[in-house]
Amino acid sequence: MSVQQPAHVRPTAGLMAPIAALALAACANLSQAHDAANGADASDAARQASSQPTVATPLVIGHRGASGYVPEHTLMSYWLAIEQGADYVEPDLVSTKDGVLVARHENAIAIVNADGSIREATTDVAERPEFADRKATKVIDGVSLTGWFTEDFTLAELKTLRAKERLPSLRVANTRFDRMFEVPTIEEVLNLVDQANERRRQKALAEGGPKAAAKVKPIGVYPETKHPTYFDGIRLSLEEPLLRSLHRHGYRGPNAAVFIQSFEVGNLKALATQTRLPLIQLLNGSGQPYDFTVAGDKRTYADLAKPEGLKEIATYATGVGANTNLMIPLVGGKLGTPTTLVSDAHAVGLKVHGWTFRAENNFLPNEFDSSSNPADLGDLAGQIKAFLRLGMDGFFTDQPFLGRQARDAFIAK
């Protein structure tokens, strides 16, 4: 259904200014570890952002924005990712009760354990007594969860909540931004990207004239439809409102600066009949697409990653978003022998975007750790370069600042 976004939550023309002021504070705290490991400071990111990659240059995709520095899926996170040199920003999309798409990693915006303690939260909803009665237990893609869910809130209600850092024990510095930002709609994200692109065009126009402005490569968006089978089942389909928003902002045709991604297959195949926008089939390191589970299809993500599976994907998608373990499996916590996924995908014309590259030791293969502290930053560049050597066409990273540095150093050789 078509939902008009209420005027009081539409972004204003001055949207960039307050976000910029706060994001600069985050930039100033990129940490001494960055400087020591990379010989750079935050100003490098701004300078790098003005140099656009060529078509063959691997893409840096800001995973949930710049989620290694500020709470994920906030306008600040997307803005900071752009300033740090990301080529694309990635909003995960779920629906409100009144059918508005908002950016959250999951429709569960706070999850509680059996004893009532918080397991995970991306908003302050659990602290809001006026919404205590919204707590519910639901089965999402076969998993029972107790907490609060976006589809039980209208947009106006959701806008009263504030975002929180999802990994507070690991990313302690990010918690200083807790409760400062709203949950953004897809329209607000697209407006932010529009403003960033217009700012770049105006700068190029002023410095080099119309020809320079015409050569500016736009920042792209990389939306993911989350739990499409589930949302279809409650009559809050994600795909139609997403396409309407993208078309309204000028994203049309196979060369548009957008990739629509999904872990399910059926919705991407349906989208392929409705749009020529690029589509990406996400491939997890285990399990199977949930729509396969519902349909009784026994194929797994591992099956889809094989040559025959990739050949089928090429009939409806532009590329695959592959779990790193599908490209280089971990053996004893370290990178093992690379698979042929990248070359197999390229053989049928598919791009390969790897996920997810994070700088904390907690997430890195052991050989790239800097210490025994899981929160310390390790050698993210080393991990990224190992995968770029396979021919990976782009990668999702929580730290676009470091991802851009690693990518640029790799292609400079």
Protein backbone atom coordinates (compact mmCIF):
# COMPACT_ATOMS: atom_id res chain seq x y z
CA MET A 1 0.00 0.00 0.00
CA SER A 2 1.05 3.59 -0.46
CA VAL A 3 1.74 5.55 2.72
CA GLN A 4 2.35 9.28 2.76
CA GLN A 5 5.17 10.12 5.12
CA PRO A 6 3.97 12.54 7.81
CA ALA A 7 5.29 16.06 7.33
CA HIS A 8 6.73 16.25 10.84
CA VAL A 9 9.21 13.44 10.12
CA ARG A 10 10.30 14.50 6.67
CA PRO A 11 13.92 15.61 6.55
CA THR A 12 14.47 19.32 6.05
CA ALA A 13 16.81 21.10 3.68
CA GLY A 14 19.17 21.67 6.62
CA LEU A 15 19.45 17.99 7.43
CA MET A 16 23.19 17.81 6.84
CA ALA A 17 24.28 20.49 9.30
CA PRO A 18 23.39 18.90 12.66
CA ILE A 19 24.53 15.48 11.46
CA ALA A 20 27.79 16.97 10.25
CA ALA A 21 28.52 18.61 13.59
CA LEU A 22 28.07 15.37 15.51
CA ALA A 23 29.81 13.24 12.92
CA LEU A 24 32.84 15.48 13.10
CA ALA A 25 33.06 14.58 16.77
CA ALA A 26 33.15 10.92 15.76
CA CYS A 27 35.75 11.64 13.09
CA ALA A 28 37.92 13.30 15.72
CA ASN A 29 37.77 10.07 17.69
CA LEU A 30 38.65 7.59 14.96
CA SER A 31 41.23 6.61 17.59
CA GLN A 32 44.97 6.66 17.94
CA ALA A 33 44.97 3.02 16.91
CA HIS A 34 43.95 4.08 13.41
CA ASP A 35 46.80 6.53 13.22
CA ALA A 36 49.37 4.07 14.50
CA ALA A 37 48.22 1.24 12.25
CA ASN A 38 47.64 3.25 9.12
CA GLY A 39 49.68 6.45 9.34
CA ALA A 40 46.59 8.54 8.62
CA ASP A 41 44.14 10.87 10.32
CA ALA A 42 40.45 11.63 9.87
CA SER A 43 41.16 14.35 7.31
CA ASP A 44 42.47 11.68 4.94
CA ALA A 45 38.97 10.25 4.66
CA ALA A 46 37.56 13.56 3.47
CA ARG A 47 40.30 13.95 0.89
CA GLN A 48 39.88 10.37 -0.31
CA ALA A 49 36.13 10.86 -0.61
CA SER A 50 36.66 13.38 -3.39
CA SER A 51 38.60 10.94 -5.59
CA GLN A 52 36.15 8.68 -7.39
CA PRO A 53 37.04 5.06 -8.21
CA THR A 54 36.99 3.71 -11.73
CA VAL A 55 34.48 1.11 -12.89
CA ALA A 56 36.92 -1.72 -12.17
CA THR A 57 37.75 -0.47 -8.68
CA PRO A 58 36.33 -2.69 -5.91
CA LEU A 59 33.46 -0.99 -4.11
CA VAL A 60 33.61 0.03 -0.47
CA ILE A 61 30.14 -0.51 1.00
CA GLY A 62 29.37 1.19 4.31
CA HIS A 63 27.80 -1.69 6.26
CA ARG A 64 24.80 -0.17 8.06
CA GLY A 65 26.64 3.09 7.44
CA ALA A 66 29.83 3.57 9.43
CA SER A 67 28.65 1.24 12.18
CA GLY A 68 32.11 0.73 13.62
CA TYR A 69 32.11 4.36 14.76
CA VAL A 70 28.51 5.29 15.61
CA PRO A 71 25.24 3.39 16.20
CA GLU A 72 24.21 1.53 13.06
CA HIS A 73 21.39 2.51 10.73
CA THR A 74 21.23 6.15 11.79
CA LEU A 75 21.50 9.16 9.49
CA MET A 76 24.72 9.99 11.28
CA SER A 77 26.11 6.55 10.45
CA TYR A 78 25.28 6.90 6.75
CA TRP A 79 26.61 10.45 6.60
CA LEU A 80 29.87 9.44 8.26
CA ALA A 81 30.28 6.50 5.87
CA ILE A 82 29.98 8.87 2.93
CA GLU A 83 32.52 11.27 4.45
CA GLN A 84 34.91 8.38 5.04
CA GLY A 85 34.86 7.42 1.38
CA ALA A 86 32.24 4.68 1.05
CA ASP A 87 30.99 4.17 -2.49
CA TYR A 88 27.65 2.81 -1.25
CA VAL A 89 25.73 2.93 2.03
CA GLU A 90 23.64 -0.03 3.14
CA PRO A 91 20.24 0.37 4.83
CA ASP A 92 18.52 -2.81 6.01
CA LEU A 93 14.78 -2.32 5.64
CA VAL A 94 11.81 -3.46 7.70
CA SER A 95 8.25 -2.15 7.92
CA THR A 96 6.23 -0.22 10.45
CA LYS A 97 2.63 -1.07 11.28
CA ASP A 98 1.45 1.55 8.80
CA GLY A 99 3.64 0.29 5.97
CA VAL A 100 6.57 2.72 6.05
CA LEU A 101 10.03 1.27 5.41
CA VAL A 102 12.57 2.08 8.12
CA ALA A 103 16.24 1.24 8.51
CA ARG A 104 16.90 -1.37 11.20
CA HIS A 105 19.06 -4.49 11.10
CA GLU A 106 16.06 -6.50 12.28
CA ASN A 107 12.38 -5.89 12.85
CA ALA A 108 13.16 -6.86 16.46
CA ILE A 109 14.34 -3.54 17.90
CA ALA A 110 14.98 -5.02 21.36
CA ILE A 111 15.21 -8.71 22.27
CA VAL A 112 15.00 -10.06 25.83
CA ASN A 113 16.24 -13.29 27.37
CA ALA A 114 14.03 -15.65 29.35
CA ASP A 115 14.99 -13.86 32.58
CA GLY A 116 13.94 -10.50 31.14
CA SER A 117 17.47 -9.17 30.58
CA ILE A 118 18.29 -7.47 27.31
CA ARG A 119 19.98 -9.73 24.79
CA GLU A 120 20.24 -7.13 22.04
CA ALA A 121 18.77 -3.69 21.44
CA THR A 122 19.07 -1.13 18.68
CA THR A 123 16.58 1.28 20.29
CA ASP A 124 15.61 2.38 23.79
CA VAL A 125 12.14 0.81 23.51
CA ALA A 126 12.72 -1.53 26.48
CA GLU A 127 13.24 1.54 28.66
CA ARG A 128 10.00 3.16 27.59
CA PRO A 129 7.13 2.24 29.98
CA GLU A 130 4.51 3.54 27.56
CA PHE A 131 5.41 0.68 25.21
CA ALA A 132 5.75 -2.10 27.78
CA ASP A 133 2.57 -3.73 26.49
CA ARG A 134 4.03 -4.02 23.00
CA LYS A 135 6.46 -6.73 24.09
CA ALA A 136 5.57 -9.93 22.26
CA THR A 137 6.88 -13.36 21.35
CA LYS A 138 7.03 -14.10 17.64
CA VAL A 139 8.52 -16.66 15.32
CA ILE A 140 10.66 -14.89 12.72
CA ASP A 141 12.05 -17.15 10.01
CA GLY A 142 11.64 -20.15 12.26
CA VAL A 143 13.25 -18.56 15.34
CA SER A 144 11.22 -17.67 18.43
CA LEU A 145 12.05 -14.20 19.76
CA THR A 146 10.63 -12.16 22.63
CA GLY A 147 10.89 -8.40 22.44
CA TRP A 148 9.58 -5.42 20.53
CA PHE A 149 9.04 -5.37 16.76
CA THR A 150 8.75 -2.53 14.24
CA GLU A 151 5.55 -3.90 12.71
CA ASP A 152 3.75 -3.27 16.03
CA PHE A 153 4.51 0.47 15.92
CA THR A 154 3.23 3.21 13.67
CA LEU A 155 5.88 5.45 12.19
CA ALA A 156 4.86 8.27 14.52
CA GLU A 157 5.35 5.98 17.52
CA LEU A 158 8.64 4.62 16.24
CA LYS A 159 9.90 8.16 15.76
CA THR A 160 9.63 8.75 19.51
CA LEU A 161 12.26 6.06 20.10
CA ARG A 162 16.00 6.63 19.92
CA ALA A 163 18.76 4.46 18.48
CA LYS A 164 21.32 2.65 20.64
CA GLU A 165 24.61 0.91 19.94
CA ARG A 166 23.93 -2.78 19.21
CA LEU A 167 27.32 -4.00 20.53
CA PRO A 168 27.86 -1.84 23.63
CA SER A 169 30.40 -4.11 25.32
CA LEU A 170 32.57 -4.29 22.20
CA ARG A 171 32.08 -0.76 20.87
CA VAL A 172 32.02 1.19 24.11
CA ALA A 173 32.91 4.50 22.45
CA ASN A 174 29.82 4.30 20.25
CA THR A 175 27.54 4.34 23.28
CA ARG A 176 28.23 8.05 23.76
CA PHE A 177 25.81 8.57 20.87
CA ASP A 178 23.04 6.47 22.43
CA ARG A 179 19.58 8.09 22.40
CA MET A 180 20.72 10.92 20.13
CA PHE A 181 19.24 9.74 16.82
CA GLU A 182 15.90 8.64 15.44
CA VAL A 183 15.15 5.51 13.46
CA PRO A 184 15.33 6.79 9.85
CA THR A 185 12.92 6.01 7.05
CA ILE A 186 14.11 4.93 3.60
CA GLU A 187 12.99 8.34 2.34
CA GLU A 188 15.26 10.09 4.84
CA VAL A 189 18.19 7.89 3.86
CA LEU A 190 17.64 8.59 0.17
CA ASN A 191 17.28 12.30 0.84
CA LEU A 192 20.59 12.26 2.74
CA VAL A 193 22.33 10.53 -0.18
CA ASP A 194 20.71 12.98 -2.61
CA GLN A 195 22.06 15.90 -0.60
CA ALA A 196 25.55 14.41 -0.43
CA ASN A 197 25.58 13.81 -4.18
CA GLU A 198 24.31 17.31 -4.92
CA ARG A 199 26.99 18.78 -2.69
CA ARG A 200 29.64 16.87 -4.65
CA ARG A 201 28.21 17.99 -7.97
CA GLN A 202 28.15 21.62 -6.87
CA LYS A 203 31.74 21.41 -5.66
CA ALA A 204 32.88 19.87 -8.95
CA LEU A 205 30.91 22.48 -10.89
CA ALA A 206 32.54 25.31 -8.98
CA GLU A 207 36.03 23.88 -9.36
CA GLY A 208 35.92 22.42 -12.86
CA GLY A 209 32.75 23.46 -14.64
CA PRO A 210 29.96 21.38 -16.21
CA LYS A 211 32.29 18.68 -17.58
CA ALA A 212 33.76 18.03 -14.15
CA ALA A 213 30.31 17.96 -12.58
CA ALA A 214 29.13 15.42 -15.14
CA LYS A 215 31.99 13.07 -14.22
CA VAL A 216 31.18 12.95 -10.52
CA LYS A 217 30.35 9.39 -9.56
CA PRO A 218 27.37 9.36 -7.20
CA ILE A 219 27.28 7.66 -3.85
CA GLY A 220 25.01 4.65 -4.19
CA VAL A 221 22.52 2.89 -1.91
CA TYR A 222 22.47 -0.83 -1.18
CA PRO A 223 19.12 -1.63 0.52
CA GLU A 224 18.35 -5.05 1.92
CA THR A 225 14.82 -6.39 2.24
CA LYS A 226 14.75 -8.16 5.62
CA HIS A 227 12.53 -11.22 6.17
CA PRO A 228 10.46 -10.74 3.00
CA THR A 229 8.44 -13.96 3.45
CA TYR A 230 7.54 -12.95 7.00
CA PHE A 231 6.49 -9.44 5.99
CA ASP A 232 4.48 -10.74 3.04
CA GLY A 233 2.71 -13.04 5.51
CA ILE A 234 1.53 -10.08 7.59
CA ARG A 235 0.59 -8.04 4.50
CA LEU A 236 3.43 -5.55 4.82
CA SER A 237 5.32 -6.36 1.64
CA LEU A 238 8.68 -4.58 1.39
CA GLU A 239 9.42 -4.67 -2.32
CA GLU A 240 6.69 -2.43 -3.73
CA PRO A 241 7.26 0.53 -1.37
CA LEU A 242 11.02 0.16 -1.86
CA LEU A 243 10.69 0.39 -5.63
CA ARG A 244 8.39 3.39 -5.33
CA SER A 245 10.91 5.21 -3.16
CA LEU A 246 13.85 4.36 -5.41
CA HIS A 247 11.98 5.43 -8.55
CA ARG A 248 10.87 8.65 -6.87
CA HIS A 249 14.54 9.47 -6.26
CA GLY A 250 15.56 8.74 -9.83
CA TYR A 251 16.97 5.23 -9.47
CA ARG A 252 15.99 3.53 -12.72
CA GLY A 253 17.63 1.08 -15.07
CA PRO A 254 20.55 -1.34 -14.80
CA ASN A 255 23.18 1.39 -14.43
CA ALA A 256 21.56 3.12 -11.46
CA ALA A 257 23.75 3.53 -8.37
CA VAL A 258 21.77 0.99 -6.38
CA PHE A 259 21.83 -2.71 -5.52
CA ILE A 260 18.78 -4.39 -3.97
CA GLN A 261 19.83 -7.37 -1.87
CA SER A 262 18.07 -10.24 -0.15
CA PHE A 263 18.88 -13.53 1.57
CA GLU A 264 15.74 -14.98 0.00
CA VAL A 265 15.36 -15.98 -3.64
CA GLY A 266 11.68 -15.68 -4.51
CA ASN A 267 11.41 -11.97 -3.86
CA LEU A 268 14.48 -11.26 -6.01
CA LYS A 269 13.05 -13.32 -8.85
CA ALA A 270 9.80 -11.38 -8.55
CA LEU A 271 11.70 -8.08 -8.50
CA ALA A 272 13.53 -9.10 -11.68
CA THR A 273 10.16 -9.04 -13.47
CA GLN A 274 9.27 -5.60 -12.06
CA THR A 275 12.48 -3.60 -12.38
CA ARG A 276 15.79 -3.44 -14.22
CA LEU A 277 17.61 -2.20 -11.13
CA PRO A 278 20.61 -4.37 -10.14
CA LEU A 279 19.78 -7.21 -7.75
CA ILE A 280 22.14 -9.07 -5.40
CA GLN A 281 21.57 -12.58 -4.07
CA LEU A 282 22.99 -12.82 -0.55
CA LEU A 283 24.70 -16.10 0.33
CA ASN A 284 25.22 -17.04 3.95
CA GLY A 285 27.93 -19.36 5.18
CA SER A 286 25.37 -21.90 6.42
CA GLY A 287 21.67 -22.70 6.24
CA GLN A 288 19.29 -21.97 3.39
CA PRO A 289 17.03 -19.15 2.15
CA TYR A 290 13.95 -19.06 4.36
CA ASP A 291 11.59 -19.10 1.39
CA PHE A 292 13.23 -22.41 0.43
CA THR A 293 12.44 -23.70 3.91
CA VAL A 294 8.79 -22.70 3.55
CA ALA A 295 8.57 -24.26 0.07
CA GLY A 296 10.31 -27.48 1.09
CA ASP A 297 13.22 -26.81 -1.26
CA LYS A 298 16.22 -28.68 0.15
CA ARG A 299 18.90 -26.53 -1.47
CA THR A 300 21.24 -24.61 0.81
CA TYR A 301 23.34 -21.49 0.40
CA ALA A 302 26.28 -23.82 -0.21
CA ASP A 303 24.36 -25.29 -3.15
CA LEU A 304 23.65 -21.83 -4.55
CA ALA A 305 27.38 -21.03 -4.29
CA LYS A 306 28.24 -23.91 -6.61
CA PRO A 307 28.57 -23.37 -10.40
CA GLU A 308 25.03 -24.60 -11.15
CA GLY A 309 23.54 -22.45 -8.41
CA LEU A 310 25.46 -19.40 -9.61
CA LYS A 311 24.28 -20.04 -13.14
CA GLU A 312 20.67 -19.88 -11.94
CA ILE A 313 21.34 -16.73 -9.90
CA ALA A 314 22.72 -15.08 -13.04
CA THR A 315 19.26 -15.36 -14.64
CA TYR A 316 17.77 -12.83 -12.22
CA ALA A 317 20.59 -11.06 -10.35
CA THR A 318 23.64 -8.91 -11.08
CA GLY A 319 25.81 -10.48 -8.42
CA VAL A 320 26.11 -12.24 -5.10
CA GLY A 321 26.83 -10.92 -1.64
CA ALA A 322 28.95 -13.72 -0.22
CA ASN A 323 29.83 -14.57 3.36
CA THR A 324 33.63 -14.46 3.60
CA ASN A 325 33.71 -18.14 4.59
CA LEU A 326 32.34 -19.06 1.17
CA MET A 327 35.40 -17.45 -0.42
CA ILE A 328 38.09 -18.37 2.10
CA PRO A 329 36.95 -20.77 4.83
CA LEU A 330 38.41 -20.48 8.31
CA VAL A 331 40.56 -23.37 9.48
CA GLY A 332 41.46 -23.26 13.15
CA GLY A 333 40.44 -19.61 13.27
CA LYS A 334 42.75 -18.65 10.39
CA LEU A 335 42.20 -18.21 6.65
CA GLY A 336 42.36 -21.53 4.86
CA THR A 337 42.46 -22.44 1.18
CA PRO A 338 40.37 -20.19 -1.09
CA THR A 339 37.42 -21.70 -2.91
CA THR A 340 36.59 -21.09 -6.56
CA LEU A 341 33.46 -19.04 -5.76
CA VAL A 342 34.79 -15.75 -7.11
CA SER A 343 36.04 -17.20 -10.40
CA ASP A 344 32.90 -19.35 -10.76
CA ALA A 345 30.68 -16.31 -10.25
CA HIS A 346 32.69 -14.22 -12.70
CA ALA A 347 32.42 -17.03 -15.27
CA VAL A 348 28.63 -16.53 -15.41
CA GLY A 349 28.81 -12.74 -15.30
CA LEU A 350 28.11 -12.18 -11.60
CA LYS A 351 29.82 -9.64 -9.37
CA VAL A 352 30.97 -10.75 -5.92
CA HIS A 353 30.64 -8.50 -2.89
CA GLY A 354 32.01 -9.97 0.34
CA TRP A 355 30.67 -9.50 3.86
CA THR A 356 31.40 -8.47 6.52
CA PHE A 357 34.81 -6.90 7.15
CA ARG A 358 35.18 -5.52 10.68
CA ALA A 359 38.31 -4.14 12.33
CA GLU A 360 37.89 -5.47 15.87
CA ASN A 361 39.94 -8.54 16.82
CA ASN A 362 36.67 -10.20 17.79
CA PHE A 363 35.73 -10.47 14.12
CA LEU A 364 39.09 -10.90 12.40
CA PRO A 365 40.76 -14.17 11.44
CA ASN A 366 43.35 -14.91 14.12
CA GLU A 367 46.40 -14.04 12.02
CA PHE A 368 45.18 -10.43 11.77
CA ASP A 369 44.60 -9.90 15.51
CA SER A 370 46.60 -7.16 17.20
CA SER A 371 46.14 -8.41 20.77
CA SER A 372 44.06 -10.71 22.95
CA ASN A 373 41.55 -7.91 23.59
CA PRO A 374 38.52 -8.58 21.35
CA ALA A 375 37.69 -4.85 21.19
CA ASP A 376 41.12 -3.74 19.97
CA LEU A 377 41.50 -2.94 16.29
CA GLY A 378 43.55 -5.43 14.30
CA ASP A 379 44.86 -5.62 10.76
CA LEU A 380 41.63 -5.15 8.81
CA ALA A 381 43.63 -4.10 5.75
CA GLY A 382 45.44 -7.43 5.74
CA GLN A 383 42.17 -9.35 5.71
CA ILE A 384 40.62 -7.17 3.00
CA LYS A 385 43.66 -7.50 0.75
CA ALA A 386 43.60 -11.29 1.04
CA PHE A 387 40.09 -11.28 -0.44
CA LEU A 388 40.75 -8.58 -3.02
CA ARG A 389 43.53 -10.78 -4.38
CA LEU A 390 40.82 -13.31 -5.29
CA GLY A 391 39.15 -10.72 -7.51
CA MET A 392 36.34 -9.73 -5.14
CA ASP A 393 34.41 -6.81 -6.68
CA GLY A 394 33.47 -5.03 -3.47
CA PHE A 395 33.06 -5.52 0.25
CA PHE A 396 30.85 -4.53 3.14
CA THR A 397 32.72 -2.99 6.06
CA ASP A 398 31.77 -1.45 9.40
CA GLN A 399 34.81 0.86 9.11
CA PRO A 400 34.67 2.57 5.69
CA PHE A 401 37.60 4.80 6.72
CA LEU A 402 39.89 1.78 7.01
CA GLY A 403 38.21 -0.09 4.16
CA ARG A 404 38.83 2.78 1.77
CA GLN A 405 42.47 2.98 2.81
CA ALA A 406 42.94 -0.76 2.30
CA ARG A 407 41.21 -0.73 -1.09
CA ASP A 408 43.16 2.26 -2.34
CA ALA A 409 46.48 0.82 -1.18
CA PHE A 410 45.67 -2.44 -2.93
CA ILE A 411 44.85 -0.89 -6.30
CA ALA A 412 47.84 1.49 -6.08
CA LYS A 413 50.27 -1.42 -6.28
